[in-house]
């Protein structure tokens, strides 16, 4: 078998094996792959078929993940792999997540090579992104360990659709995460993602309360599907109650893609309204994305409203002094990570 032995599975009495990575509970005969298409039963054992294979590399501003309170202004080496364990009809990276042509889209790299590349290019972190790092968990674990050995931070951009034990294996090695909370209604997850909302909420709480990972949340607002003001308010109330009101929240604009090409793009007014709802409910760090909105990209002091980090798209116009997480006017602490505290060469 070409690949790498996978974690989190068990044999079944009928000769199949079951994947225990996520709530899909894929039950596989020999030779079959799970819905993610990258985890396969071979010889009655689970294998990750894409270990050491990347769908491409890029050096990005950390704000592109998006992470606005995790070493603002730094650069991150981003890469992903093929496959995904959700089936979102609005997927913005469907050409990678749904491909079956691994060889054409993949570049080989070892964990040590990825960490060394980030170090050589002056990147403060490495991001597992584009597709969900949960599906190539074993490779993420090894890459994260290699990065930390060189003092490079790690970032995961994930839908958070996995069971608690795999979540612990992942986020115990992740320094900063942006989790896609795709909607705050079960019907949306069922009809548009072929998934469930509750496991995602469980993952968010697990990250916040069981790990040292810095957490931010993104919700892609899709007209007519998850942009109802009452739903947005209910989601914000849940975040405040379960994660804390200082959790940064990003509302981003949908553009027609994959199997939702007939749905119109998100109006800018929808994002600014959602941001206003969240702020009014007590969330000071709320941002808009995929539109030009300098106000919606700026970090303000939650006490005196001084602009602290001014952004336009991914460009920072002004920011706090390096390592300083206090408002220069009223000295209020600003939630986030502003100085790296990792051991390395």
C-alpha atoms as a PDB file:
ATOM      1  CA  UNK A   1       0.000   0.000   0.000  1.00  0.00           C
ATOM      2  CA  UNK A   2       1.307   3.451  -0.943  1.00  0.00           C
ATOM      3  CA  UNK A   3       0.703   5.863   1.888  1.00  0.00           C
ATOM      4  CA  UNK A   4       1.057   6.044   5.643  1.00  0.00           C
ATOM      5  CA  UNK A   5      -0.623   4.067   8.443  1.00  0.00           C
ATOM      6  CA  UNK A   6      -3.638   6.040   9.660  1.00  0.00           C
ATOM      7  CA  UNK A   7      -4.796   6.675  13.191  1.00  0.00           C
ATOM      8  CA  UNK A   8      -8.329   6.402  14.579  1.00  0.00           C
ATOM      9  CA  UNK A   9     -10.061   3.336  13.175  1.00  0.00           C
ATOM     10  CA  UNK A  10     -11.197  -0.064  14.398  1.00  0.00           C
ATOM     11  CA  UNK A  11     -12.160  -3.423  12.856  1.00  0.00           C
ATOM     12  CA  UNK A  12     -15.800  -4.504  12.614  1.00  0.00           C
ATOM     13  CA  UNK A  13     -17.205  -7.979  13.132  1.00  0.00           C
ATOM     14  CA  UNK A  14     -18.308  -8.246   9.490  1.00  0.00           C
ATOM     15  CA  UNK A  15     -14.740  -7.883   8.159  1.00  0.00           C
ATOM     16  CA  UNK A  16     -14.926  -4.172   7.389  1.00  0.00           C
ATOM     17  CA  UNK A  17     -13.104  -1.424   9.287  1.00  0.00           C
ATOM     18  CA  UNK A  18     -14.616   1.807  10.573  1.00  0.00           C
ATOM     19  CA  UNK A  19     -12.921   5.188  10.431  1.00  0.00           C
ATOM     20  CA  UNK A  20     -13.140   6.992  13.776  1.00  0.00           C
ATOM     21  CA  UNK A  21     -11.757  10.317  12.595  1.00  0.00           C
ATOM     22  CA  UNK A  22     -15.040  12.163  12.122  1.00  0.00           C
ATOM     23  CA  UNK A  23     -18.807  11.699  12.578  1.00  0.00           C
ATOM     24  CA  UNK A  24     -19.172  10.190   9.106  1.00  0.00           C
ATOM     25  CA  UNK A  25     -18.204   6.803  10.621  1.00  0.00           C
ATOM     26  CA  UNK A  26     -17.228   5.441   7.208  1.00  0.00           C
ATOM     27  CA  UNK A  27     -17.378   1.618   7.191  1.00  0.00           C
ATOM     28  CA  UNK A  28     -15.083   0.237   4.515  1.00  0.00           C
ATOM     29  CA  UNK A  29     -14.467  -3.053   2.785  1.00  0.00           C
ATOM     30  CA  UNK A  30     -10.913  -3.836   1.678  1.00  0.00           C
ATOM     31  CA  UNK A  31      -9.942  -1.395  -1.087  1.00  0.00           C
ATOM     32  CA  UNK A  32     -12.676   1.132  -0.317  1.00  0.00           C
ATOM     33  CA  UNK A  33     -12.058   4.778   0.536  1.00  0.00           C
ATOM     34  CA  UNK A  34     -14.033   7.024   2.857  1.00  0.00           C
ATOM     35  CA  UNK A  35     -16.040  10.027   1.698  1.00  0.00           C
ATOM     36  CA  UNK A  36     -12.898  12.135   2.068  1.00  0.00           C
ATOM     37  CA  UNK A  37     -11.340   9.801  -0.555  1.00  0.00           C
ATOM     38  CA  UNK A  38      -7.895   9.957   1.070  1.00  0.00           C
ATOM     39  CA  UNK A  39      -8.346   7.398   3.870  1.00  0.00           C
ATOM     40  CA  UNK A  40      -8.506   3.827   2.574  1.00  0.00           C
ATOM     41  CA  UNK A  41      -8.961   0.288   3.840  1.00  0.00           C
ATOM     42  CA  UNK A  42      -6.038  -1.719   2.522  1.00  0.00           C
ATOM     43  CA  UNK A  43      -5.330  -5.140   3.930  1.00  0.00           C
ATOM     44  CA  UNK A  44      -7.889  -4.557   6.702  1.00  0.00           C
ATOM     45  CA  UNK A  45      -6.007  -1.512   7.998  1.00  0.00           C
ATOM     46  CA  UNK A  46      -6.572   2.198   7.466  1.00  0.00           C
ATOM     47  CA  UNK A  47      -4.064   4.151   5.399  1.00  0.00           C
ATOM     48  CA  UNK A  48      -3.658   7.834   4.592  1.00  0.00           C
ATOM     49  CA  UNK A  49      -3.024   7.821   0.843  1.00  0.00           C
ATOM     50  CA  UNK A  50      -1.852  11.455   0.607  1.00  0.00           C
ATOM     51  CA  UNK A  51       0.852  11.510   3.289  1.00  0.00           C
ATOM     52  CA  UNK A  52       3.704  13.775   2.137  1.00  0.00           C
ATOM     53  CA  UNK A  53       1.667  15.145  -0.780  1.00  0.00           C
ATOM     54  CA  UNK A  54       0.665  18.815  -1.012  1.00  0.00           C
ATOM     55  CA  UNK A  55      -1.738  20.496  -3.399  1.00  0.00           C
ATOM     56  CA  UNK A  56       0.629  23.461  -3.571  1.00  0.00           C
ATOM     57  CA  UNK A  57       2.486  26.011  -1.446  1.00  0.00           C
ATOM     58  CA  UNK A  58       2.117  29.776  -1.040  1.00  0.00           C
ATOM     59  CA  UNK A  59       3.503  32.459   1.238  1.00  0.00           C
ATOM     60  CA  UNK A  60       0.591  34.528   2.526  1.00  0.00           C
ATOM     61  CA  UNK A  61      -0.101  37.264   5.034  1.00  0.00           C
ATOM     62  CA  UNK A  62      -1.542  35.658   8.162  1.00  0.00           C
ATOM     63  CA  UNK A  63      -4.637  37.850   7.729  1.00  0.00           C
ATOM     64  CA  UNK A  64      -5.571  35.774   4.661  1.00  0.00           C
ATOM     65  CA  UNK A  65      -6.373  32.673   6.753  1.00  0.00           C
ATOM     66  CA  UNK A  66      -8.143  34.795   8.168  1.00  0.00           C
ATOM     67  CA  UNK A  67      -6.403  35.381  11.498  1.00  0.00           C
ATOM     68  CA  UNK A  68      -6.354  38.980  12.697  1.00  0.00           C
ATOM     69  CA  UNK A  69      -5.128  38.462  16.273  1.00  0.00           C
ATOM     70  CA  UNK A  70      -2.407  35.887  15.634  1.00  0.00           C
ATOM     71  CA  UNK A  71       0.924  37.659  15.026  1.00  0.00           C
ATOM     72  CA  UNK A  72      -0.631  40.407  12.844  1.00  0.00           C
ATOM     73  CA  UNK A  73       1.446  41.397   9.840  1.00  0.00           C
ATOM     74  CA  UNK A  74       3.462  38.165   9.816  1.00  0.00           C
ATOM     75  CA  UNK A  75       3.801  35.773   6.896  1.00  0.00           C
ATOM     76  CA  UNK A  76       2.697  32.151   6.809  1.00  0.00           C
ATOM     77  CA  UNK A  77       3.685  29.254   4.547  1.00  0.00           C
ATOM     78  CA  UNK A  78       0.355  27.779   3.441  1.00  0.00           C
ATOM     79  CA  UNK A  79      -0.323  24.355   2.002  1.00  0.00           C
ATOM     80  CA  UNK A  80      -3.050  21.747   1.845  1.00  0.00           C
ATOM     81  CA  UNK A  81      -3.793  18.329   0.455  1.00  0.00           C
ATOM     82  CA  UNK A  82      -6.563  16.837  -1.637  1.00  0.00           C
ATOM     83  CA  UNK A  83      -9.734  15.487  -0.071  1.00  0.00           C
ATOM     84  CA  UNK A  84     -12.348  16.682   2.439  1.00  0.00           C
ATOM     85  CA  UNK A  85     -14.696  15.020   4.904  1.00  0.00           C
ATOM     86  CA  UNK A  86     -17.608  17.379   4.202  1.00  0.00           C
ATOM     87  CA  UNK A  87     -19.501  17.796   0.932  1.00  0.00           C
ATOM     88  CA  UNK A  88     -20.342  21.506   0.915  1.00  0.00           C
ATOM     89  CA  UNK A  89     -22.247  22.487  -2.215  1.00  0.00           C
ATOM     90  CA  UNK A  90     -20.705  25.975  -1.979  1.00  0.00           C
ATOM     91  CA  UNK A  91     -17.079  24.791  -1.637  1.00  0.00           C
ATOM     92  CA  UNK A  92     -14.672  27.548  -2.679  1.00  0.00           C
ATOM     93  CA  UNK A  93     -11.780  25.073  -3.129  1.00  0.00           C
ATOM     94  CA  UNK A  94     -13.710  22.262  -4.824  1.00  0.00           C
ATOM     95  CA  UNK A  95     -11.033  21.748  -7.498  1.00  0.00           C
ATOM     96  CA  UNK A  96      -8.691  20.563  -4.716  1.00  0.00           C
ATOM     97  CA  UNK A  97     -11.065  19.065  -2.156  1.00  0.00           C
ATOM     98  CA  UNK A  98     -13.063  16.983  -4.654  1.00  0.00           C
ATOM     99  CA  UNK A  99     -10.318  15.922  -7.040  1.00  0.00           C
ATOM    100  CA  UNK A 100      -9.521  12.275  -7.634  1.00  0.00           C
ATOM    101  CA  UNK A 101      -6.376  13.094  -9.612  1.00  0.00           C
ATOM    102  CA  UNK A 102      -3.830  13.132  -6.784  1.00  0.00           C
ATOM    103  CA  UNK A 103      -0.733  12.889  -8.955  1.00  0.00           C
ATOM    104  CA  UNK A 104      -1.544  15.891 -11.134  1.00  0.00           C
ATOM    105  CA  UNK A 105      -2.204  18.238  -8.218  1.00  0.00           C
ATOM    106  CA  UNK A 106       0.371  17.017  -5.720  1.00  0.00           C
ATOM    107  CA  UNK A 107       3.897  18.021  -4.800  1.00  0.00           C
ATOM    108  CA  UNK A 108       5.953  15.770  -2.552  1.00  0.00           C
ATOM    109  CA  UNK A 109       7.461  17.214   0.626  1.00  0.00           C
ATOM    110  CA  UNK A 110       8.583  15.837   3.968  1.00  0.00           C
ATOM    111  CA  UNK A 111       7.689  17.483   7.285  1.00  0.00           C
ATOM    112  CA  UNK A 112      11.313  18.549   7.768  1.00  0.00           C
ATOM    113  CA  UNK A 113      11.406  20.110   4.293  1.00  0.00           C
ATOM    114  CA  UNK A 114       8.230  22.086   4.960  1.00  0.00           C
ATOM    115  CA  UNK A 115       9.523  23.402   8.281  1.00  0.00           C
ATOM    116  CA  UNK A 116      12.899  24.295   6.757  1.00  0.00           C
ATOM    117  CA  UNK A 117      11.228  26.097   3.856  1.00  0.00           C
ATOM    118  CA  UNK A 118       9.170  28.216   6.242  1.00  0.00           C
ATOM    119  CA  UNK A 119      12.296  29.051   8.235  1.00  0.00           C
ATOM    120  CA  UNK A 120      14.281  29.928   5.113  1.00  0.00           C
ATOM    121  CA  UNK A 121      11.605  32.343   3.868  1.00  0.00           C
ATOM    122  CA  UNK A 122      11.168  34.046   7.221  1.00  0.00           C
ATOM    123  CA  UNK A 123       7.628  32.762   7.780  1.00  0.00           C
ATOM    124  CA  UNK A 124       6.496  32.932  11.374  1.00  0.00           C
ATOM    125  CA  UNK A 125       4.074  30.050  10.909  1.00  0.00           C
ATOM    126  CA  UNK A 126       2.962  27.181   8.669  1.00  0.00           C
ATOM    127  CA  UNK A 127      -0.752  26.849   7.846  1.00  0.00           C
ATOM    128  CA  UNK A 128      -2.592  23.649   7.006  1.00  0.00           C
ATOM    129  CA  UNK A 129      -5.322  25.087   4.821  1.00  0.00           C
ATOM    130  CA  UNK A 130      -7.159  25.024   1.442  1.00  0.00           C
ATOM    131  CA  UNK A 131      -8.649  21.654   2.417  1.00  0.00           C
ATOM    132  CA  UNK A 132      -9.371  20.387   5.902  1.00  0.00           C
ATOM    133  CA  UNK A 133      -6.265  19.325   7.860  1.00  0.00           C
ATOM    134  CA  UNK A 134      -8.389  16.756   9.704  1.00  0.00           C
ATOM    135  CA  UNK A 135      -8.355  14.538   6.618  1.00  0.00           C
ATOM    136  CA  UNK A 136      -4.538  14.429   6.453  1.00  0.00           C
ATOM    137  CA  UNK A 137      -4.114  14.437  10.227  1.00  0.00           C
ATOM    138  CA  UNK A 138      -1.089  12.125  10.415  1.00  0.00           C
ATOM    139  CA  UNK A 139       0.901  14.372   8.059  1.00  0.00           C
ATOM    140  CA  UNK A 140      -0.179  17.479   9.986  1.00  0.00           C
ATOM    141  CA  UNK A 141       1.028  15.953  13.257  1.00  0.00           C
ATOM    142  CA  UNK A 142       4.485  15.224  11.848  1.00  0.00           C
ATOM    143  CA  UNK A 143       4.721  18.628  10.144  1.00  0.00           C
ATOM    144  CA  UNK A 144       3.679  20.438  13.309  1.00  0.00           C
ATOM    145  CA  UNK A 145       6.319  18.638  15.357  1.00  0.00           C
ATOM    146  CA  UNK A 146       8.974  19.527  12.756  1.00  0.00           C
ATOM    147  CA  UNK A 147       7.847  23.178  12.737  1.00  0.00           C
ATOM    148  CA  UNK A 148       7.942  23.511  16.503  1.00  0.00           C
ATOM    149  CA  UNK A 149      11.458  22.076  16.548  1.00  0.00           C
ATOM    150  CA  UNK A 150      12.535  25.089  14.449  1.00  0.00           C
ATOM    151  CA  UNK A 151      10.483  27.663  16.363  1.00  0.00           C
ATOM    152  CA  UNK A 152       7.813  27.916  13.666  1.00  0.00           C
ATOM    153  CA  UNK A 153       4.198  28.288  14.819  1.00  0.00           C
ATOM    154  CA  UNK A 154       1.398  26.195  13.325  1.00  0.00           C
ATOM    155  CA  UNK A 155      -2.015  27.196  11.994  1.00  0.00           C
ATOM    156  CA  UNK A 156      -5.039  25.078  11.095  1.00  0.00           C
ATOM    157  CA  UNK A 157      -7.922  26.285   8.936  1.00  0.00           C
ATOM    158  CA  UNK A 158     -10.594  23.676   9.523  1.00  0.00           C
ATOM    159  CA  UNK A 159     -14.323  23.003   9.521  1.00  0.00           C
ATOM    160  CA  UNK A 160     -13.875  21.352  12.923  1.00  0.00           C
ATOM    161  CA  UNK A 161     -15.780  18.247  11.826  1.00  0.00           C
ATOM    162  CA  UNK A 162     -14.022  15.529  13.801  1.00  0.00           C
ATOM    163  CA  UNK A 163     -14.351  13.468  16.943  1.00  0.00           C
ATOM    164  CA  UNK A 164     -12.855  14.583  20.289  1.00  0.00           C
ATOM    165  CA  UNK A 165      -9.838  12.240  20.332  1.00  0.00           C
ATOM    166  CA  UNK A 166      -8.638  13.209  16.839  1.00  0.00           C
ATOM    167  CA  UNK A 167      -9.405  16.838  17.682  1.00  0.00           C
ATOM    168  CA  UNK A 168      -7.103  16.580  20.675  1.00  0.00           C
ATOM    169  CA  UNK A 169      -4.366  14.991  18.552  1.00  0.00           C
ATOM    170  CA  UNK A 170      -4.657  17.859  16.085  1.00  0.00           C
ATOM    171  CA  UNK A 171      -5.137  20.950  18.232  1.00  0.00           C
ATOM    172  CA  UNK A 172      -2.600  19.940  20.868  1.00  0.00           C
ATOM    173  CA  UNK A 173      -0.070  20.729  18.114  1.00  0.00           C
ATOM    174  CA  UNK A 174      -1.752  23.814  16.646  1.00  0.00           C
ATOM    175  CA  UNK A 175      -0.932  27.338  17.848  1.00  0.00           C
ATOM    176  CA  UNK A 176      -3.620  29.238  15.936  1.00  0.00           C
ATOM    177  CA  UNK A 177      -6.852  28.051  14.333  1.00  0.00           C
ATOM    178  CA  UNK A 178      -9.631  29.494  12.257  1.00  0.00           C
ATOM    179  CA  UNK A 179     -12.710  27.270  12.344  1.00  0.00           C
ATOM    180  CA  UNK A 180     -15.454  27.551   9.729  1.00  0.00           C
ATOM    181  CA  UNK A 181     -18.753  27.735  11.557  1.00  0.00           C
ATOM    182  CA  UNK A 182     -20.723  27.407   8.360  1.00  0.00           C
ATOM    183  CA  UNK A 183     -24.122  28.225   9.835  1.00  0.00           C
ATOM    184  CA  UNK A 184     -26.011  28.057  13.087  1.00  0.00           C
ATOM    185  CA  UNK A 185     -28.774  25.736  11.987  1.00  0.00           C
ATOM    186  CA  UNK A 186     -28.823  21.966  11.664  1.00  0.00           C
ATOM    187  CA  UNK A 187     -30.746  21.980   8.394  1.00  0.00           C
ATOM    188  CA  UNK A 188     -27.987  23.969   6.651  1.00  0.00           C
ATOM    189  CA  UNK A 189     -25.319  21.454   7.656  1.00  0.00           C
ATOM    190  CA  UNK A 190     -27.526  18.523   6.637  1.00  0.00           C
ATOM    191  CA  UNK A 191     -28.660  19.842   3.234  1.00  0.00           C
ATOM    192  CA  UNK A 192     -25.680  21.883   2.068  1.00  0.00           C
ATOM    193  CA  UNK A 193     -22.727  20.139   3.759  1.00  0.00           C
ATOM    194  CA  UNK A 194     -23.898  16.538   4.288  1.00  0.00           C
ATOM    195  CA  UNK A 195     -22.845  16.953   7.907  1.00  0.00           C
ATOM    196  CA  UNK A 196     -24.016  17.956  11.374  1.00  0.00           C
ATOM    197  CA  UNK A 197     -23.703  21.161  13.379  1.00  0.00           C
ATOM    198  CA  UNK A 198     -23.278  19.700  16.877  1.00  0.00           C
ATOM    199  CA  UNK A 199     -19.815  18.100  16.333  1.00  0.00           C
ATOM    200  CA  UNK A 200     -18.496  21.467  15.109  1.00  0.00           C
ATOM    201  CA  UNK A 201     -19.774  23.234  18.219  1.00  0.00           C
ATOM    202  CA  UNK A 202     -18.191  20.505  20.330  1.00  0.00           C
ATOM    203  CA  UNK A 203     -14.849  21.021  18.579  1.00  0.00           C
ATOM    204  CA  UNK A 204     -15.005  24.784  19.144  1.00  0.00           C
ATOM    205  CA  UNK A 205     -15.573  24.290  22.855  1.00  0.00           C
ATOM    206  CA  UNK A 206     -12.806  21.701  22.991  1.00  0.00           C
ATOM    207  CA  UNK A 207     -10.302  24.072  21.376  1.00  0.00           C
ATOM    208  CA  UNK A 208     -11.250  26.923  23.661  1.00  0.00           C
ATOM    209  CA  UNK A 209     -11.309  25.023  26.948  1.00  0.00           C
ATOM    210  CA  UNK A 210      -8.860  22.137  26.512  1.00  0.00           C
ATOM    211  CA  UNK A 211      -6.067  23.538  24.343  1.00  0.00           C
ATOM    212  CA  UNK A 212      -3.757  26.544  24.204  1.00  0.00           C
ATOM    213  CA  UNK A 213      -4.674  27.145  20.551  1.00  0.00           C
ATOM    214  CA  UNK A 214      -5.610  30.721  19.661  1.00  0.00           C
ATOM    215  CA  UNK A 215      -9.114  30.555  18.137  1.00  0.00           C
ATOM    216  CA  UNK A 216     -10.907  32.647  15.538  1.00  0.00           C
ATOM    217  CA  UNK A 217     -14.132  31.809  13.676  1.00  0.00           C
ATOM    218  CA  UNK A 218     -15.292  32.420  10.114  1.00  0.00           C
ATOM    219  CA  UNK A 219     -18.849  32.276   8.777  1.00  0.00           C
ATOM    220  CA  UNK A 220     -19.376  32.530   5.022  1.00  0.00           C
ATOM    221  CA  UNK A 221     -22.736  34.256   4.644  1.00  0.00           C
ATOM    222  CA  UNK A 222     -24.768  32.827   1.754  1.00  0.00           C
ATOM    223  CA  UNK A 223     -27.853  34.784   0.652  1.00  0.00           C
ATOM    224  CA  UNK A 224     -31.072  33.067   1.666  1.00  0.00           C
ATOM    225  CA  UNK A 225     -29.342  30.226   3.516  1.00  0.00           C
ATOM    226  CA  UNK A 226     -27.552  31.415   6.674  1.00  0.00           C
ATOM    227  CA  UNK A 227     -27.844  35.224   6.636  1.00  0.00           C
ATOM    228  CA  UNK A 228     -31.010  35.606   8.701  1.00  0.00           C
ATOM    229  CA  UNK A 229     -30.373  38.242  11.400  1.00  0.00           C
ATOM    230  CA  UNK A 230     -32.032  36.109  14.088  1.00  0.00           C
ATOM    231  CA  UNK A 231     -29.772  33.154  13.257  1.00  0.00           C
ATOM    232  CA  UNK A 232     -26.709  35.402  13.293  1.00  0.00           C
ATOM    233  CA  UNK A 233     -27.725  36.779  16.694  1.00  0.00           C
ATOM    234  CA  UNK A 234     -28.266  33.267  18.062  1.00  0.00           C
ATOM    235  CA  UNK A 235     -24.828  32.217  16.812  1.00  0.00           C
ATOM    236  CA  UNK A 236     -23.183  35.237  18.442  1.00  0.00           C
ATOM    237  CA  UNK A 237     -24.980  34.567  21.720  1.00  0.00           C
ATOM    238  CA  UNK A 238     -23.687  30.971  21.651  1.00  0.00           C
ATOM    239  CA  UNK A 239     -20.122  32.132  20.972  1.00  0.00           C
ATOM    240  CA  UNK A 240     -20.264  34.628  23.839  1.00  0.00           C
ATOM    241  CA  UNK A 241     -21.715  32.071  26.259  1.00  0.00           C
ATOM    242  CA  UNK A 242     -19.525  29.099  25.284  1.00  0.00           C
ATOM    243  CA  UNK A 243     -16.279  30.580  23.939  1.00  0.00           C
ATOM    244  CA  UNK A 244     -16.104  34.151  25.213  1.00  0.00           C
ATOM    245  CA  UNK A 245     -17.041  37.464  23.686  1.00  0.00           C
ATOM    246  CA  UNK A 246     -13.413  38.270  22.851  1.00  0.00           C
ATOM    247  CA  UNK A 247     -13.329  35.490  20.226  1.00  0.00           C
ATOM    248  CA  UNK A 248     -12.645  37.160  16.847  1.00  0.00           C
ATOM    249  CA  UNK A 249     -15.431  36.500  14.340  1.00  0.00           C
ATOM    250  CA  UNK A 250     -15.131  36.939  10.563  1.00  0.00           C
ATOM    251  CA  UNK A 251     -18.162  37.307   8.294  1.00  0.00           C
ATOM    252  CA  UNK A 252     -17.095  36.703   4.691  1.00  0.00           C
ATOM    253  CA  UNK A 253     -18.818  37.086   1.341  1.00  0.00           C
ATOM    254  CA  UNK A 254     -19.921  34.112  -0.743  1.00  0.00           C
ATOM    255  CA  UNK A 255     -19.281  33.989  -4.475  1.00  0.00           C
ATOM    256  CA  UNK A 256     -21.083  31.481  -6.753  1.00  0.00           C
ATOM    257  CA  UNK A 257     -19.075  28.269  -7.042  1.00  0.00           C
ATOM    258  CA  UNK A 258     -19.155  24.474  -7.257  1.00  0.00           C
ATOM    259  CA  UNK A 259     -22.826  23.394  -7.071  1.00  0.00           C
ATOM    260  CA  UNK A 260     -24.276  26.761  -6.057  1.00  0.00           C
ATOM    261  CA  UNK A 261     -23.483  28.810  -9.123  1.00  0.00           C
ATOM    262  CA  UNK A 262     -27.044  30.130  -9.335  1.00  0.00           C
ATOM    263  CA  UNK A 263     -26.917  31.687  -5.854  1.00  0.00           C
ATOM    264  CA  UNK A 264     -26.045  35.399  -6.008  1.00  0.00           C
ATOM    265  CA  UNK A 265     -22.947  36.851  -4.307  1.00  0.00           C
ATOM    266  CA  UNK A 266     -23.350  38.192  -0.788  1.00  0.00           C
ATOM    267  CA  UNK A 267     -24.175  41.915  -0.723  1.00  0.00           C
ATOM    268  CA  UNK A 268     -21.745  44.005   1.271  1.00  0.00           C
ATOM    269  CA  UNK A 269     -24.664  45.315   3.325  1.00  0.00           C
ATOM    270  CA  UNK A 270     -25.342  41.778   4.603  1.00  0.00           C
ATOM    271  CA  UNK A 271     -21.844  41.568   6.047  1.00  0.00           C
ATOM    272  CA  UNK A 272     -21.922  44.999   7.638  1.00  0.00           C
ATOM    273  CA  UNK A 273     -25.321  44.213   9.181  1.00  0.00           C
ATOM    274  CA  UNK A 274     -24.021  40.926  10.589  1.00  0.00           C
ATOM    275  CA  UNK A 275     -20.993  42.713  12.012  1.00  0.00           C
ATOM    276  CA  UNK A 276     -23.231  45.319  13.655  1.00  0.00           C
ATOM    277  CA  UNK A 277     -25.385  42.585  15.222  1.00  0.00           C
ATOM    278  CA  UNK A 278     -22.337  40.868  16.723  1.00  0.00           C
ATOM    279  CA  UNK A 279     -20.865  44.116  18.060  1.00  0.00           C
ATOM    280  CA  UNK A 280     -24.192  45.163  19.591  1.00  0.00           C
ATOM    281  CA  UNK A 281     -24.373  41.813  21.403  1.00  0.00           C
ATOM    282  CA  UNK A 282     -20.950  42.347  22.964  1.00  0.00           C
ATOM    283  CA  UNK A 283     -18.338  40.987  20.530  1.00  0.00           C
ATOM    284  CA  UNK A 284     -15.694  43.698  20.015  1.00  0.00           C
ATOM    285  CA  UNK A 285     -13.554  41.882  17.431  1.00  0.00           C
ATOM    286  CA  UNK A 286     -15.792  41.334  14.408  1.00  0.00           C
ATOM    287  CA  UNK A 287     -14.554  41.553  10.833  1.00  0.00           C
ATOM    288  CA  UNK A 288     -15.820  41.438   7.259  1.00  0.00           C
ATOM    289  CA  UNK A 289     -14.028  39.634   4.455  1.00  0.00           C
ATOM    290  CA  UNK A 290     -13.999  39.269   0.662  1.00  0.00           C
ATOM    291  CA  UNK A 291     -15.225  42.861   0.308  1.00  0.00           C
ATOM    292  CA  UNK A 292     -13.521  46.248   0.492  1.00  0.00           C
ATOM    293  CA  UNK A 293     -14.396  47.496   3.966  1.00  0.00           C
ATOM    294  CA  UNK A 294     -11.575  49.228   5.885  1.00  0.00           C
ATOM    295  CA  UNK A 295     -13.785  49.672   8.939  1.00  0.00           C
ATOM    296  CA  UNK A 296     -14.711  45.989   8.911  1.00  0.00           C
ATOM    297  CA  UNK A 297     -11.036  45.067   8.690  1.00  0.00           C
ATOM    298  CA  UNK A 298      -9.834  47.261  11.546  1.00  0.00           C
ATOM    299  CA  UNK A 299      -9.171  46.105  15.096  1.00  0.00           C
ATOM    300  CA  UNK A 300     -10.557  48.621  17.600  1.00  0.00           C
ATOM    301  CA  UNK A 301      -9.955  48.900  21.311  1.00  0.00           C
ATOM    302  CA  UNK A 302     -12.998  47.365  23.015  1.00  0.00           C
ATOM    303  CA  UNK A 303     -12.915  50.060  25.695  1.00  0.00           C
ATOM    304  CA  UNK A 304     -12.124  53.395  24.016  1.00  0.00           C
ATOM    305  CA  UNK A 305     -12.642  52.451  20.314  1.00  0.00           C
ATOM    306  CA  UNK A 306      -9.179  53.611  19.265  1.00  0.00           C
ATOM    307  CA  UNK A 307      -8.197  52.043  15.911  1.00  0.00           C
ATOM    308  CA  UNK A 308      -5.356  49.685  16.808  1.00  0.00           C
ATOM    309  CA  UNK A 309      -4.672  47.699  13.625  1.00  0.00           C
ATOM    310  CA  UNK A 310      -5.994  49.225  10.409  1.00  0.00           C
ATOM    311  CA  UNK A 311      -6.340  46.891   7.431  1.00  0.00           C
ATOM    312  CA  UNK A 312      -7.490  47.110   3.852  1.00  0.00           C
ATOM    313  CA  UNK A 313      -8.029  43.622   2.510  1.00  0.00           C
ATOM    314  CA  UNK A 314      -4.793  41.883   3.624  1.00  0.00           C
ATOM    315  CA  UNK A 315      -2.674  45.043   3.839  1.00  0.00           C
ATOM    316  CA  UNK A 316      -2.006  46.532   7.268  1.00  0.00           C
ATOM    317  CA  UNK A 317      -1.955  50.326   7.233  1.00  0.00           C
ATOM    318  CA  UNK A 318      -1.055  50.773  10.914  1.00  0.00           C
ATOM    319  CA  UNK A 319      -0.634  48.430  13.836  1.00  0.00           C
ATOM    320  CA  UNK A 320       0.400  48.077  17.447  1.00  0.00           C
ATOM    321  CA  UNK A 321       4.127  47.993  18.243  1.00  0.00           C
ATOM    322  CA  UNK A 322       5.594  44.501  17.914  1.00  0.00           C
ATOM    323  CA  UNK A 323       4.709  42.368  20.893  1.00  0.00           C
ATOM    324  CA  UNK A 324       2.413  44.995  22.417  1.00  0.00           C
ATOM    325  CA  UNK A 325      -1.120  43.821  23.140  1.00  0.00           C
ATOM    326  CA  UNK A 326      -2.410  46.889  24.960  1.00  0.00           C
ATOM    327  CA  UNK A 327      -4.263  49.907  23.665  1.00  0.00           C
ATOM    328  CA  UNK A 328      -1.809  52.839  23.634  1.00  0.00           C
ATOM    329  CA  UNK A 329      -4.591  55.208  24.747  1.00  0.00           C
ATOM    330  CA  UNK A 330      -6.292  53.420  27.657  1.00  0.00           C
ATOM    331  CA  UNK A 331      -3.937  50.434  28.124  1.00  0.00           C
ATOM    332  CA  UNK A 332      -6.735  47.873  27.800  1.00  0.00           C
ATOM    333  CA  UNK A 333      -5.332  44.400  27.000  1.00  0.00           C
ATOM    334  CA  UNK A 334      -6.225  43.179  23.506  1.00  0.00           C
ATOM    335  CA  UNK A 335      -6.980  39.472  23.147  1.00  0.00           C
ATOM    336  CA  UNK A 336      -4.583  37.677  20.816  1.00  0.00           C
ATOM    337  CA  UNK A 337      -1.063  36.453  20.212  1.00  0.00           C
ATOM    338  CA  UNK A 338       1.472  39.146  19.505  1.00  0.00           C
ATOM    339  CA  UNK A 339       4.808  37.574  20.432  1.00  0.00           C
ATOM    340  CA  UNK A 340       6.077  34.092  19.594  1.00  0.00           C
ATOM    341  CA  UNK A 341       7.041  31.932  22.584  1.00  0.00           C
ATOM    342  CA  UNK A 342       8.272  28.771  20.862  1.00  0.00           C
ATOM    343  CA  UNK A 343      11.551  26.999  21.386  1.00  0.00           C
ATOM    344  CA  UNK A 344      13.727  26.455  18.323  1.00  0.00           C
ATOM    345  CA  UNK A 345      17.085  26.941  16.720  1.00  0.00           C
END
